[in-house]
Protein backbone atom coordinates (compact mmCIF):
# COMPACT_ATOMS: atom_id res chain seq x y z
CA MET A 1 -15.72 -24.42 -172.02
CA LYS A 2 -13.60 -22.95 -169.21
CA VAL A 3 -14.88 -19.52 -168.17
CA LEU A 4 -13.26 -17.04 -165.81
CA LEU A 5 -15.72 -14.46 -164.44
CA VAL A 6 -14.14 -11.28 -163.07
CA ALA A 7 -16.01 -8.97 -160.70
CA HIS A 8 -15.05 -6.32 -158.17
CA ARG A 9 -16.75 -8.18 -155.31
CA TYR A 10 -18.44 -11.56 -154.85
CA PRO A 11 -20.79 -13.30 -152.37
CA PRO A 12 -21.25 -14.27 -149.63
CA ARG A 13 -20.02 -10.97 -148.13
CA HIS A 14 -21.45 -8.85 -150.94
CA HIS A 15 -24.97 -8.91 -152.39
CA ALA A 16 -25.35 -5.79 -154.54
CA GLY A 17 -26.62 -6.08 -158.10
CA VAL A 18 -23.39 -6.93 -159.93
CA GLU A 19 -22.34 -9.48 -157.31
CA VAL A 20 -25.74 -11.22 -157.33
CA TYR A 21 -25.78 -11.21 -161.14
CA THR A 22 -22.24 -12.61 -161.44
CA ALA A 23 -22.95 -15.40 -158.96
CA GLY A 24 -26.21 -16.27 -160.72
CA LEU A 25 -24.44 -16.36 -164.08
CA ALA A 26 -21.74 -18.61 -162.63
CA ARG A 27 -24.37 -21.09 -161.43
CA ALA A 28 -26.19 -21.01 -164.77
CA LEU A 29 -23.01 -21.61 -166.75
CA VAL A 30 -22.12 -24.57 -164.51
CA ARG A 31 -25.59 -26.02 -165.11
CA ARG A 32 -24.88 -25.73 -168.84
CA GLY A 33 -21.82 -27.90 -168.39
CA HIS A 34 -19.06 -25.29 -168.28
CA ARG A 35 -16.22 -25.06 -165.79
CA VAL A 36 -16.36 -21.70 -164.07
CA GLU A 37 -13.96 -19.91 -161.75
CA VAL A 38 -14.10 -16.35 -160.38
CA PHE A 39 -11.51 -13.63 -159.82
CA CYS A 40 -12.49 -10.72 -157.55
CA ALA A 41 -11.19 -8.25 -154.99
CA GLU A 42 -11.90 -7.93 -151.29
CA LYS A 43 -10.97 -5.32 -148.73
CA ASP A 44 -9.83 -7.12 -145.57
CA VAL A 45 -7.43 -5.29 -143.29
CA ALA A 46 -6.98 -8.50 -141.29
CA GLN A 47 -5.09 -9.89 -144.31
CA PRO A 48 -1.83 -8.57 -145.78
CA ASP A 49 -2.50 -6.28 -148.72
CA ARG A 50 -2.18 -7.87 -152.20
CA THR A 51 -2.58 -11.43 -150.85
CA LEU A 52 -4.23 -13.73 -153.39
CA LEU A 53 -6.59 -16.06 -151.54
CA ARG A 54 -8.50 -19.09 -152.79
CA ARG A 55 -11.89 -20.16 -151.50
CA GLU A 56 -15.07 -21.81 -152.75
CA HIS A 57 -18.62 -20.49 -152.92
CA GLU A 58 -21.48 -22.76 -154.01
CA GLY A 59 -18.88 -25.20 -155.34
CA ILE A 60 -17.19 -22.59 -157.53
CA VAL A 61 -13.52 -21.70 -157.03
CA VAL A 62 -13.08 -18.01 -156.14
CA HIS A 63 -9.67 -16.34 -156.41
CA GLU A 64 -9.81 -13.28 -154.16
CA LEU A 65 -7.22 -10.50 -154.21
CA VAL A 66 -6.92 -8.48 -151.00
CA ASN A 67 -7.00 -4.81 -151.98
CA ASN A 68 -6.95 -2.60 -148.90
CA LEU A 69 -6.80 0.54 -151.06
CA LEU A 70 -3.31 1.50 -149.97
CA HIS A 71 -2.89 3.51 -153.16
CA ASP A 72 -0.41 6.35 -153.51
CA ASP A 73 -1.79 7.79 -156.74
CA LEU A 74 -5.21 8.24 -158.34
CA ARG A 75 -4.07 6.22 -161.36
CA GLU A 76 -3.80 3.13 -159.17
CA SER A 77 -7.58 3.21 -158.77
CA PHE A 78 -7.96 2.19 -162.43
CA LEU A 79 -4.53 0.89 -163.55
CA TRP A 80 -3.01 -1.14 -160.74
CA PRO A 81 -0.18 -3.53 -161.73
CA PRO A 82 -0.53 -5.74 -158.59
CA ALA A 83 -4.08 -6.64 -159.67
CA GLU A 84 -2.88 -7.40 -163.19
CA GLU A 85 -0.09 -9.62 -161.86
CA ALA A 86 -2.53 -11.49 -159.62
CA PHE A 87 -4.90 -11.83 -162.57
CA GLU A 88 -2.11 -13.43 -164.62
CA ARG A 89 -1.45 -15.93 -161.83
CA VAL A 90 -5.15 -16.84 -161.90
CA LEU A 91 -4.99 -17.22 -165.70
CA ASP A 92 -2.06 -19.60 -165.28
CA GLU A 93 -4.00 -21.71 -162.78
CA ALA A 94 -7.51 -21.59 -164.27
CA ARG A 95 -6.42 -21.68 -167.96
CA PRO A 96 -9.75 -20.28 -169.19
CA ASP A 97 -10.94 -20.30 -172.79
CA VAL A 98 -12.68 -16.97 -172.22
CA VAL A 99 -12.72 -14.19 -169.62
CA HIS A 100 -15.95 -12.34 -168.86
CA PHE A 101 -15.48 -9.13 -166.92
CA THR A 102 -18.59 -7.92 -165.08
CA HIS A 103 -16.71 -5.13 -163.23
CA LEU A 104 -13.12 -4.01 -162.66
CA LEU A 105 -13.48 -1.56 -159.79
CA TYR A 106 -10.80 -2.37 -157.15
CA LEU A 107 -8.92 -4.37 -159.80
CA SER A 108 -7.45 -2.87 -163.00
CA LEU A 109 -8.45 -1.97 -166.53
CA GLY A 110 -5.11 -3.48 -167.53
CA CYS A 111 -6.46 -6.98 -166.94
CA ALA A 112 -8.17 -6.98 -170.35
CA PRO A 113 -4.99 -6.34 -172.40
CA ARG A 114 -3.17 -8.95 -170.30
CA ALA A 115 -5.78 -11.55 -171.27
CA ARG A 116 -5.47 -10.57 -174.92
CA ALA A 117 -1.66 -10.78 -174.76
CA ARG A 118 -2.02 -14.40 -173.67
CA GLY A 119 -4.37 -15.20 -176.53
CA ILE A 120 -7.47 -15.45 -174.34
CA ALA A 121 -10.79 -14.09 -175.63
CA ALA A 122 -12.56 -11.56 -173.39
CA ILE A 123 -15.82 -9.65 -173.14
CA TYR A 124 -17.03 -6.99 -170.67
CA THR A 125 -20.54 -6.32 -169.36
CA LEU A 126 -21.26 -2.64 -168.79
CA ASN A 127 -23.21 -2.90 -165.55
CA ASP A 128 -22.87 0.83 -164.86
CA PHE A 129 -20.90 3.86 -166.05
CA TRP A 130 -17.56 3.03 -164.42
CA LEU A 131 -15.68 3.15 -167.73
CA GLN A 132 -16.92 6.74 -168.13
CA CYS A 133 -17.07 7.82 -164.51
CA ALA A 134 -14.17 7.20 -162.14
CA ARG A 135 -16.38 8.10 -159.18
CA PHE A 136 -17.79 4.60 -158.69
CA GLY A 137 -19.48 4.58 -162.10
CA GLN A 138 -22.60 6.42 -160.96
CA ARG A 139 -22.24 9.73 -162.81
CA LEU A 140 -22.84 11.52 -159.54
CA ARG A 141 -20.73 14.43 -158.34
CA ASP A 142 -19.30 14.69 -154.85
CA ASP A 143 -22.38 16.77 -153.92
CA ASP A 144 -24.67 13.89 -155.05
CA GLN A 145 -25.90 15.78 -158.11
CA VAL A 146 -26.42 13.80 -161.31
CA CYS A 147 -24.09 14.40 -164.25
CA HIS A 148 -26.45 14.53 -167.22
CA ALA A 149 -23.46 15.13 -169.49
CA ILE A 150 -19.80 14.15 -169.31
CA GLU A 151 -17.82 17.39 -168.93
CA PRO A 152 -14.06 16.95 -168.39
CA ALA A 153 -13.67 20.10 -166.28
CA THR A 154 -16.50 19.05 -163.97
CA CYS A 155 -15.12 15.51 -163.76
CA ALA A 156 -11.63 16.78 -162.80
CA ARG A 157 -12.98 18.94 -159.99
CA CYS A 158 -15.15 16.05 -158.74
CA ILE A 159 -12.38 13.45 -158.87
CA ALA A 160 -9.97 15.82 -157.12
CA THR A 161 -12.09 15.23 -154.00
CA LEU A 162 -12.44 11.45 -154.48
CA PRO A 163 -11.25 9.34 -151.51
CA PHE A 164 -9.57 6.85 -153.86
CA ALA A 165 -7.26 5.44 -151.18
CA GLN A 166 -7.61 4.17 -147.65
CA GLY A 167 -8.02 6.81 -144.95
CA GLY A 168 -5.29 7.56 -142.45
CA LEU A 169 -6.58 5.52 -139.50
CA GLU A 170 -7.10 2.28 -141.42
CA ARG A 171 -3.97 2.82 -143.51
CA ARG A 172 -1.78 3.11 -140.43
CA ALA A 173 -3.47 0.35 -138.48
CA ALA A 174 -4.09 -2.25 -141.22
CA PRO A 175 -0.60 -3.88 -141.18
CA TRP A 176 -0.75 -4.11 -137.38
CA VAL A 177 -4.23 -5.70 -137.49
CA ALA A 178 -3.01 -8.26 -140.04
CA ARG A 179 0.01 -9.15 -137.88
CA VAL A 180 -2.18 -9.61 -134.79
CA LYS A 181 -4.49 -11.97 -136.66
CA ARG A 182 -1.60 -14.03 -138.02
CA ALA A 183 -0.01 -14.29 -134.57
CA THR A 184 -3.09 -14.82 -132.39
CA GLY A 185 -6.08 -15.48 -134.64
CA LEU A 186 -7.79 -12.43 -133.15
CA ASP A 187 -9.55 -10.35 -135.83
CA LEU A 188 -9.59 -6.66 -134.86
CA SER A 189 -10.76 -5.47 -138.28
CA PRO A 190 -14.44 -4.96 -137.24
CA ALA A 191 -13.36 -2.59 -134.48
CA LEU A 192 -11.05 -0.78 -136.89
CA ARG A 193 -13.82 -0.40 -139.47
CA ALA A 194 -16.19 0.95 -136.80
CA GLY A 195 -13.60 3.50 -135.71
CA ALA A 196 -12.97 4.56 -139.30
CA ARG A 197 -16.72 4.98 -139.93
CA ALA A 198 -17.02 7.15 -136.83
CA ALA A 199 -14.08 9.28 -137.99
CA ARG A 200 -15.64 9.69 -141.45
CA ALA A 201 -18.95 10.71 -139.89
CA LEU A 202 -17.25 13.43 -137.85
CA ARG A 203 -15.69 14.97 -140.96
CA ALA A 204 -18.67 14.34 -143.23
CA GLN A 205 -19.88 17.94 -143.37
CA PRO A 206 -19.59 19.27 -146.92
CA SER A 207 -16.74 21.68 -147.47
CA ALA A 208 -17.44 25.06 -149.00
CA SER A 209 -13.89 25.33 -150.30
CA GLU A 210 -12.88 24.31 -153.80
CA PRO A 211 -10.16 21.68 -154.24
CA ALA A 212 -6.68 23.04 -154.89
CA ALA A 213 -5.90 23.94 -158.49
CA GLU A 214 -2.96 21.53 -158.46
CA ALA A 215 -5.23 18.68 -157.37
CA VAL A 216 -7.74 19.50 -160.12
CA SER A 217 -5.07 19.66 -162.84
CA GLY A 218 -3.60 16.35 -161.61
CA ALA A 219 -7.03 14.74 -161.69
CA ALA A 220 -7.61 16.10 -165.21
CA ARG A 221 -4.39 14.49 -166.45
CA ALA A 222 -5.25 11.16 -164.78
CA LEU A 223 -8.77 11.18 -166.23
CA ALA A 224 -7.49 11.96 -169.72
CA GLU A 225 -5.11 9.01 -169.42
CA ARG A 226 -7.95 6.82 -168.13
CA GLU A 227 -10.28 7.71 -171.01
CA ALA A 228 -7.53 7.16 -173.58
CA PHE A 229 -6.79 3.75 -172.10
CA VAL A 230 -10.48 2.74 -172.07
CA LYS A 231 -11.04 3.83 -175.68
CA GLY A 232 -7.67 2.41 -176.78
CA PRO A 233 -5.95 -0.70 -175.33
CA PHE A 234 -8.87 -1.74 -173.12
CA THR A 235 -11.57 -1.76 -175.82
CA ALA A 236 -9.15 -3.21 -178.39
CA ALA A 237 -8.56 -6.21 -176.08
CA LEU A 238 -12.27 -7.05 -175.91
CA HIS A 239 -14.39 -8.88 -178.45
CA ALA A 240 -17.58 -7.22 -177.20
CA LEU A 241 -18.99 -4.88 -174.58
CA VAL A 242 -22.42 -6.06 -173.46
CA THR A 243 -24.99 -3.37 -172.58
CA PRO A 244 -27.96 -4.55 -170.46
CA SER A 245 -30.15 -1.58 -171.47
CA ARG A 246 -30.77 0.47 -174.60
CA PHE A 247 -30.09 3.63 -172.59
CA LEU A 248 -26.62 2.41 -171.59
CA HIS A 249 -25.90 1.32 -175.17
CA ASP A 250 -26.77 4.75 -176.53
CA GLU A 251 -24.79 6.61 -173.86
CA PHE A 252 -21.60 4.63 -174.48
CA ALA A 253 -21.96 4.88 -178.25
CA ARG A 254 -22.35 8.64 -177.89
CA TRP A 255 -19.27 8.71 -175.67
CA GLY A 256 -17.19 7.11 -178.40
CA LEU A 257 -17.04 3.36 -177.85
CA PRO A 258 -17.27 1.52 -181.20
CA ASP A 259 -20.85 0.61 -181.98
CA ALA A 260 -19.69 -2.60 -183.65
CA LYS A 261 -18.49 -3.89 -180.28
CA LEU A 262 -21.56 -2.85 -178.27
CA ARG A 263 -24.03 -5.74 -177.89
CA GLN A 264 -27.32 -5.16 -176.15
CA LEU A 265 -28.34 -8.15 -174.02
CA ARG A 266 -30.68 -7.66 -171.09
CA SER A 267 -29.17 -9.23 -167.96
CA GLY A 268 -31.04 -12.25 -166.68
CA ILE A 269 -32.13 -13.10 -163.15
CA ASP A 270 -32.51 -16.44 -161.41
CA VAL A 271 -36.29 -16.77 -161.30
CA ARG A 272 -35.99 -20.19 -159.68
CA GLU A 273 -35.28 -18.36 -156.41
CA LEU A 274 -38.47 -16.29 -156.71
CA LYS A 275 -41.55 -18.06 -155.40
CA GLU A 276 -44.54 -15.75 -155.18
CA GLN A 277 -45.71 -15.23 -151.60
CA ARG A 278 -48.34 -12.55 -152.05
CA THR A 279 -50.30 -11.51 -148.95
CA PRO A 280 -53.70 -9.97 -149.84
CA ARG A 281 -54.13 -6.28 -149.02
CA ALA A 282 -56.32 -5.79 -145.96
CA GLY A 283 -55.84 -2.45 -144.26
CA PRO A 284 -53.46 0.44 -144.97
CA LEU A 285 -51.77 0.58 -148.36
CA ARG A 286 -48.34 -1.02 -147.94
CA VAL A 287 -45.64 1.05 -149.63
CA ALA A 288 -41.97 0.08 -149.55
CA PHE A 289 -38.47 1.11 -150.60
CA LEU A 290 -35.84 -1.65 -151.03
CA GLY A 291 -32.29 -0.58 -151.73
CA THR A 292 -29.08 0.69 -150.23
CA VAL A 293 -29.82 3.75 -148.08
CA VAL A 294 -27.54 6.26 -149.82
CA PRO A 295 -28.41 9.59 -151.47
CA HIS A 296 -28.40 8.41 -155.10
CA LYS A 297 -31.02 5.75 -154.32
CA GLY A 298 -33.43 8.56 -153.42
CA ALA A 299 -35.03 7.43 -150.15
CA HIS A 300 -35.04 11.09 -149.06
CA VAL A 301 -37.12 12.00 -152.12
CA LEU A 302 -39.68 9.40 -151.08
CA LEU A 303 -39.77 10.75 -147.51
CA GLU A 304 -40.39 14.30 -148.73
CA ALA A 305 -43.17 13.05 -150.99
CA TRP A 306 -44.63 11.17 -148.02
CA ALA A 307 -44.58 14.38 -145.98
CA GLN A 308 -46.53 16.17 -148.72
CA LEU A 309 -48.97 13.30 -148.97
CA ALA A 310 -49.67 13.04 -145.22
CA PRO A 311 -51.54 9.73 -145.65
CA GLY A 312 -52.38 9.23 -141.98
CA GLY A 313 -53.71 5.73 -141.37
CA ALA A 314 -54.51 5.11 -145.02
CA ALA A 315 -50.99 3.97 -145.89
CA ARG A 316 -47.73 2.95 -144.29
CA LEU A 317 -44.19 3.21 -145.59
CA ARG A 318 -41.28 0.90 -144.82
CA ILE A 319 -37.69 1.50 -145.92
CA TYR A 320 -35.54 -1.63 -146.26
CA GLY A 321 -31.83 -1.50 -146.95
CA ASN A 322 -28.24 -1.35 -145.80
CA THR A 323 -27.66 1.77 -143.68
CA SER A 324 -23.91 1.42 -143.12
CA TYR A 325 -22.45 3.43 -146.02
CA ARG A 326 -23.37 7.07 -145.40
CA PRO A 327 -23.91 7.51 -141.65
CA GLU A 328 -24.51 11.27 -141.85
CA TYR A 329 -27.18 10.80 -144.53
CA VAL A 330 -28.80 7.91 -142.67
CA ALA A 331 -28.92 9.92 -139.42
CA LYS A 332 -30.88 12.73 -141.12
CA LEU A 333 -33.09 10.25 -142.93
CA ARG A 334 -33.82 8.35 -139.73
CA ALA A 335 -34.79 11.55 -137.90
CA ARG A 336 -37.11 12.56 -140.74
CA ALA A 337 -38.61 9.06 -140.91
CA THR A 338 -39.34 9.15 -137.17
CA GLU A 339 -41.18 12.48 -137.61
CA LEU A 340 -43.31 10.94 -140.35
CA GLY A 341 -43.97 7.58 -138.67
CA VAL A 342 -41.95 5.71 -141.33
CA GLU A 343 -40.11 2.50 -140.39
CA LEU A 344 -36.47 1.82 -141.28
CA ARG A 345 -36.27 -1.96 -141.39
CA GLY A 346 -32.60 -2.61 -142.26
CA THR A 347 -31.14 -5.02 -144.79
CA VAL A 348 -33.28 -7.75 -146.30
CA PRO A 349 -31.39 -11.00 -147.00
CA HIS A 350 -31.75 -11.92 -150.65
CA ALA A 351 -33.53 -15.13 -149.66
CA ARG A 352 -36.36 -13.00 -148.16
CA ILE A 353 -36.90 -10.68 -151.15
CA ALA A 354 -39.93 -12.61 -152.42
CA GLU A 355 -41.50 -12.54 -148.95
CA VAL A 356 -41.05 -8.78 -148.56
CA LEU A 357 -42.29 -8.03 -152.09
CA GLY A 358 -45.27 -10.29 -151.42
CA GLU A 359 -46.39 -8.07 -148.55
CA THR A 360 -45.82 -4.86 -150.52
CA ASP A 361 -48.69 -3.23 -152.40
CA LEU A 362 -46.48 -0.64 -154.12
CA LEU A 363 -42.70 -0.67 -154.48
CA VAL A 364 -41.18 2.77 -155.02
CA VAL A 365 -37.79 3.04 -156.76
CA PRO A 366 -36.92 6.76 -156.49
CA SER A 367 -33.29 6.64 -157.68
CA ILE A 368 -31.89 9.97 -158.82
CA TRP A 369 -29.06 8.45 -160.87
CA TYR A 370 -29.03 6.57 -164.15
CA GLU A 371 -29.84 3.07 -162.97
CA ASN A 372 -29.03 0.49 -165.62
CA SER A 373 -31.22 -2.58 -165.09
CA PRO A 374 -32.04 -2.73 -161.37
CA LEU A 375 -32.35 -6.23 -160.00
CA ILE A 376 -35.13 -5.24 -157.60
CA ILE A 377 -37.32 -4.01 -160.47
CA GLN A 378 -36.83 -7.25 -162.39
CA GLU A 379 -37.68 -9.26 -159.28
CA ALA A 380 -40.81 -7.17 -158.70
CA LEU A 381 -41.93 -7.80 -162.28
CA ALA A 382 -41.54 -11.54 -161.79
CA LEU A 383 -43.58 -11.41 -158.56
CA ARG A 384 -46.35 -9.06 -159.81
CA THR A 385 -45.44 -6.31 -157.36
CA PRO A 386 -46.76 -2.91 -158.55
CA LEU A 387 -44.00 -0.40 -159.24
CA LEU A 388 -43.59 3.37 -159.09
CA VAL A 389 -40.18 4.33 -160.48
CA SER A 390 -38.10 7.33 -161.52
CA ASP A 391 -38.49 8.19 -165.19
CA LEU A 392 -34.76 7.92 -165.82
CA GLY A 393 -32.22 5.61 -167.47
CA GLY A 394 -32.89 1.89 -167.59
CA MET A 395 -35.74 2.17 -165.06
CA ARG A 396 -37.90 3.80 -167.71
CA GLU A 397 -37.37 0.86 -170.06
CA LEU A 398 -38.43 -1.74 -167.51
CA VAL A 399 -41.75 -0.32 -166.28
CA GLU A 400 -44.67 0.06 -168.67
CA GLU A 401 -47.23 2.67 -167.57
CA GLY A 402 -50.52 1.09 -166.48
CA VAL A 403 -49.22 -2.46 -166.97
CA SER A 404 -46.64 -3.03 -164.25
CA GLY A 405 -46.89 0.37 -162.56
CA TRP A 406 -46.13 4.02 -163.18
CA ARG A 407 -43.27 6.51 -163.53
CA PHE A 408 -42.59 9.96 -162.06
CA ARG A 409 -40.03 12.69 -162.64
CA ALA A 410 -36.73 11.68 -161.05
CA GLY A 411 -35.84 13.66 -157.92
CA ASP A 412 -39.21 15.48 -157.92
CA ALA A 413 -40.88 14.88 -154.55
CA ALA A 414 -44.01 16.79 -155.60
CA ASP A 415 -44.49 14.62 -158.68
CA LEU A 416 -43.90 11.49 -156.62
CA ALA A 417 -46.49 12.71 -154.08
CA ARG A 418 -48.94 13.24 -156.95
CA ALA A 419 -48.40 9.68 -158.20
CA LEU A 420 -48.74 8.22 -154.69
CA ARG A 421 -51.91 10.23 -154.07
CA ALA A 422 -53.46 8.88 -157.28
CA VAL A 423 -52.92 5.31 -156.03
CA LEU A 424 -54.11 6.11 -152.52
CA GLU A 425 -57.32 7.67 -153.84
CA ALA A 426 -58.01 4.77 -156.20
CA PRO A 427 -56.25 1.62 -154.87
CA GLU A 428 -58.26 -0.49 -157.31
CA ARG A 429 -55.74 0.71 -159.93
CA LEU A 430 -53.26 -1.67 -158.31
CA ASP A 431 -55.58 -4.63 -158.95
CA ALA A 432 -55.72 -3.76 -162.66
CA LEU A 433 -51.96 -4.15 -163.08
CA TYR A 434 -50.31 -7.26 -164.50
CA PRO A 435 -53.38 -8.17 -166.59
CA ARG A 436 -51.44 -11.03 -168.21
CA GLY A 437 -49.84 -12.24 -164.98
CA PRO A 438 -46.20 -11.90 -163.91
CA LEU A 439 -43.98 -10.15 -166.45
CA HIS A 440 -41.21 -12.69 -166.34
CA PRO A 441 -38.00 -10.86 -167.03
CA ARG A 442 -35.21 -12.41 -169.01
CA THR A 443 -33.99 -15.44 -167.08
CA ILE A 444 -30.39 -16.15 -166.15
CA GLU A 445 -30.69 -19.36 -168.21
CA GLU A 446 -31.55 -17.37 -171.35
CA ASP A 447 -28.76 -14.93 -170.55
CA ALA A 448 -26.22 -17.74 -170.08
CA ALA A 449 -27.22 -19.34 -173.40
CA ASP A 450 -26.72 -16.08 -175.31
CA LEU A 451 -23.44 -15.39 -173.53
CA GLU A 452 -22.26 -18.92 -174.28
CA ALA A 453 -22.79 -18.15 -177.97
CA LEU A 454 -20.95 -14.84 -177.60
CA TYR A 455 -18.05 -16.60 -175.85
CA GLY A 456 -17.81 -19.02 -178.77
CA GLU A 457 -17.88 -16.14 -181.21
CA ALA A 458 -15.11 -14.33 -179.29
CA ILE A 459 -12.92 -17.45 -179.21
CA ALA A 460 -13.39 -18.05 -182.93
CA ALA A 461 -12.69 -14.42 -183.80
CA LEU A 462 -9.46 -14.44 -181.83
CA ALA A 463 -8.39 -17.71 -183.41
CA SER A 464 -8.93 -16.22 -186.87
CA GLY A 465 -6.80 -13.20 -186.07
CA GLY A 466 -9.59 -10.92 -184.88
CA ARG A 467 -11.67 -11.08 -188.07
CA ARG A 468 -15.37 -10.95 -187.30
């Protein structure tokens, strides 16, 4: 079978959950004898915008569309004809039997109908809430507050402030940077990105003013069009929408996607990469956070809980993760961490995850948003790392109280401090976890086998005129 995987980003430059999952699935499908290619987007101001590049990663052909976010209209952030045209060129070259979308951010929702128009079966994995939430699929407002319900008026006001297109500095300089690289080979894009980050940091203070009424009404119209497209042509073009958690399944069914097309399949992970390297506890309790250092991941909640706990020499806390996305947030977090004697350790390469989890006595996942099926939790389960997680979304489903760890009220520093104190006062509770050994999560091999069957089902259904 020829499979085209479509994701918003792809390794080696990107290693967030969806990217790691998509690459792992690609490898597993190849091992099962399928031919796999990938279509994705990449922001690279050293390349002309809309260039379709071809490269290889781990022996897999990757078609990469340069999208430098030079959009003129909010609609181009979800329906962008240049991405659809590039996608069709990839379809012509790869000639897949099935297309599996794992994300379409930075590409276009219109890719699904284009596959259907060419008689190619397609499915989509709902890795987050992007189909519902145009603000990066996180159901978080511009003030980092969680949206517990989808309210069109709130969404319009939030999206009216969304930086959906490239900022002024990079927008003006990008063509010049691309020309310099073509002419001389000199890549000035890192310097440009650094300058843009500094400019964003200077204007990062929240604004007390409301967005203009015209901007809000324009956003409302665009969002109404987006929702109609998702629930209409987009969903009609797909054989199935895979939901990796029961929570996500229920939320999208409640939102109005057809239950007959929602298929719950827990995403698999490549356990072959996870070799247990546990270091016995001898000294202070070793507590860690592993994740991108941004507000919705909740590292600040953990720091405030740590301040209430005041563990002294009885425990130490290390925060691992990428600190490049929200410089103003990271600056405050770093200052608070220094006050509390907490270490910020930076990004952990994926190859070192097992090592870091092996020297962690308790992994805290304090996310304040509706995580779907976090990769780090699944990896911790496979490596017998005790967990303390927010009682929210897919995280709740993954961690069984008293078996693999515990849960606390999301965003509640006092409740997190209570849970941490209970472990600190009785660390033997950690030794009682995982009584039956590692809780091996669903493997990428099992996932690939089930998806292979779903691909076959989608191809057969399309061949029979869409009858199920």
